[in-house]
C-alpha atoms as a PDB file:
ATOM      1  CA  MET A   1       9.384  -5.065   1.452  1.00  0.00           C
ATOM      2  CA  THR A   2       6.716  -7.593   0.520  1.00  0.00           C
ATOM      3  CA  VAL A   3       3.190  -6.968  -0.775  1.00  0.00           C
ATOM      4  CA  GLN A   4       1.008 -10.059  -1.124  1.00  0.00           C
ATOM      5  CA  LEU A   5      -2.600 -11.166  -1.388  1.00  0.00           C
ATOM      6  CA  LEU A   6      -3.213 -13.606   1.472  1.00  0.00           C
ATOM      7  CA  SER A   7      -6.669 -14.599   0.273  1.00  0.00           C
ATOM      8  CA  GLU A   8      -9.262 -13.383  -2.221  1.00  0.00           C
ATOM      9  CA  ASN A   9      -9.655 -10.004  -0.496  1.00  0.00           C
ATOM     10  CA  VAL A  10      -6.857  -9.632   2.099  1.00  0.00           C
ATOM     11  CA  LEU A  11      -3.755  -7.601   1.199  1.00  0.00           C
ATOM     12  CA  GLN A  12      -0.654  -7.677   3.418  1.00  0.00           C
ATOM     13  CA  VAL A  13       2.319  -5.290   3.371  1.00  0.00           C
ATOM     14  CA  SER A  14       5.362  -6.332   5.426  1.00  0.00           C
ATOM     15  CA  GLY A  15       9.047  -5.596   5.678  1.00  0.00           C
ATOM     16  CA  VAL A  16      11.990  -4.711   7.894  1.00  0.00           C
ATOM     17  CA  ARG A  17      13.520  -1.292   8.460  1.00  0.00           C
ATOM     18  CA  PRO A  18      17.166  -1.638   9.542  1.00  0.00           C
ATOM     19  CA  PRO A  19      18.389   0.387  12.538  1.00  0.00           C
ATOM     20  CA  ASN A  20      19.881   3.803  11.758  1.00  0.00           C
ATOM     21  CA  HIS A  21      18.138   3.864   8.392  1.00  0.00           C
ATOM     22  CA  LEU A  22      18.678   7.319   6.891  1.00  0.00           C
ATOM     23  CA  PRO A  23      16.650   8.058   3.751  1.00  0.00           C
ATOM     24  CA  ILE A  24      18.273  10.108   1.000  1.00  0.00           C
ATOM     25  CA  SER A  25      15.747  12.920   1.450  1.00  0.00           C
ATOM     26  CA  GLN A  26      16.775  13.338   5.105  1.00  0.00           C
ATOM     27  CA  SER A  27      20.428  13.746   4.178  1.00  0.00           C
ATOM     28  CA  TYR A  28      19.485  16.876   2.190  1.00  0.00           C
ATOM     29  CA  GLY A  29      17.832  18.596   5.163  1.00  0.00           C
ATOM     30  CA  ALA A  30      14.286  17.235   4.736  1.00  0.00           C
ATOM     31  CA  LYS A  31      12.281  16.328   7.845  1.00  0.00           C
ATOM     32  CA  TRP A  32       9.941  13.451   8.661  1.00  0.00           C
ATOM     33  CA  HIS A  33       6.276  14.393   8.867  1.00  0.00           C
ATOM     34  CA  ALA A  34       5.208  10.938  10.027  1.00  0.00           C
ATOM     35  CA  LYS A  35       7.163   7.783  10.714  1.00  0.00           C
ATOM     36  CA  GLU A  36       5.331   4.629  11.757  1.00  0.00           C
ATOM     37  CA  ARG A  37       8.231   2.623  13.191  1.00  0.00           C
ATOM     38  CA  PRO A  38      11.805   3.747  13.910  1.00  0.00           C
ATOM     39  CA  SER A  39      13.274   0.321  13.066  1.00  0.00           C
ATOM     40  CA  GLY A  40      12.445  -3.379  13.049  1.00  0.00           C
ATOM     41  CA  ALA A  41       9.820  -5.544  11.372  1.00  0.00           C
ATOM     42  CA  PHE A  42       6.392  -4.255  10.406  1.00  0.00           C
ATOM     43  CA  ARG A  43       3.243  -5.800   8.946  1.00  0.00           C
ATOM     44  CA  ARG A  44      -0.084  -4.287   7.914  1.00  0.00           C
ATOM     45  CA  THR A  45      -3.099  -6.262   6.719  1.00  0.00           C
ATOM     46  CA  PHE A  46      -5.944  -4.662   4.752  1.00  0.00           C
ATOM     47  CA  GLN A  47      -9.385  -6.119   4.082  1.00  0.00           C
ATOM     48  CA  LEU A  48     -10.296  -5.292   0.471  1.00  0.00           C
ATOM     49  CA  PRO A  49     -13.921  -4.754  -0.558  1.00  0.00           C
ATOM     50  CA  ASP A  50     -15.671  -7.226  -2.863  1.00  0.00           C
ATOM     51  CA  SER A  51     -15.689  -4.613  -5.640  1.00  0.00           C
ATOM     52  CA  VAL A  52     -11.889  -4.865  -6.162  1.00  0.00           C
ATOM     53  CA  ARG A  53     -10.407  -6.485  -9.283  1.00  0.00           C
ATOM     54  CA  VAL A  54      -7.919  -8.637  -7.360  1.00  0.00           C
ATOM     55  CA  GLY A  55      -6.042  -9.766 -10.467  1.00  0.00           C
ATOM     56  CA  ASP A  56      -5.206  -6.152 -11.347  1.00  0.00           C
ATOM     57  CA  VAL A  57      -3.720  -5.040  -7.994  1.00  0.00           C
ATOM     58  CA  ARG A  58      -0.263  -3.519  -8.576  1.00  0.00           C
ATOM     59  CA  ALA A  59       2.476  -2.247  -6.239  1.00  0.00           C
ATOM     60  CA  ILE A  60       5.421  -0.043  -7.239  1.00  0.00           C
ATOM     61  CA  ASP A  61       8.188   1.786  -5.388  1.00  0.00           C
ATOM     62  CA  VAL A  62       8.746   5.361  -6.553  1.00  0.00           C
ATOM     63  CA  ASP A  63      11.658   7.133  -4.835  1.00  0.00           C
ATOM     64  CA  GLY A  64      11.107   5.183  -1.609  1.00  0.00           C
ATOM     65  CA  VAL A  65       7.318   5.652  -1.575  1.00  0.00           C
ATOM     66  CA  LEU A  66       5.224   2.505  -1.917  1.00  0.00           C
ATOM     67  CA  ILE A  67       2.255   2.993  -4.253  1.00  0.00           C
ATOM     68  CA  ILE A  68      -0.398   0.284  -4.299  1.00  0.00           C
ATOM     69  CA  LYS A  69      -3.070   0.551  -6.987  1.00  0.00           C
ATOM     70  CA  VAL A  70      -6.294  -1.309  -6.218  1.00  0.00           C
ATOM     71  CA  PRO A  71      -8.733  -0.918  -9.140  1.00  0.00           C
ATOM     72  CA  LYS A  72     -12.454  -1.362  -8.619  1.00  0.00           C
ATOM     73  CA  ARG A  73     -14.816  -3.262 -10.865  1.00  0.00           C
ATOM     74  CA  SER A  74     -17.155  -1.066 -12.821  1.00  0.00           C
ATOM     75  CA  PHE A  75     -20.801  -1.685 -12.122  1.00  0.00           C
ATOM     76  CA  LEU A  76     -23.449  -0.627 -14.573  1.00  0.00           C
ATOM     77  CA  ARG A  77     -26.682   0.503 -12.960  1.00  0.00           C
ATOM     78  CA  ASN A  78     -29.987   1.408 -14.424  1.00  0.00           C
ATOM     79  CA  ILE A  79     -31.339   4.537 -12.842  1.00  0.00           C
ATOM     80  CA  PRO A  80     -35.039   5.041 -13.489  1.00  0.00           C
ATOM     81  CA  ILE A  81     -36.094   8.423 -14.796  1.00  0.00           C
ATOM     82  CA  TYR A  82     -39.554   9.562 -13.689  1.00  0.00           C
END
């Protein structure tokens, strides 16, 4: 699986699921709740908002689940009190 920033604010996730792919959790009697593609190549592109800190985007794989962390910049605002 590949996670990459294509430009300043475009994130792409792509990969290939081999045919007859059986996850470990399914071998213990678990069931799929949702499955996007049965097999083959996939690609998803996401437009990130301008408020994202692009240099701090991180992706990790935890037990077969892809976790992508996209931190936002903090904006300080002055809110008038009347």
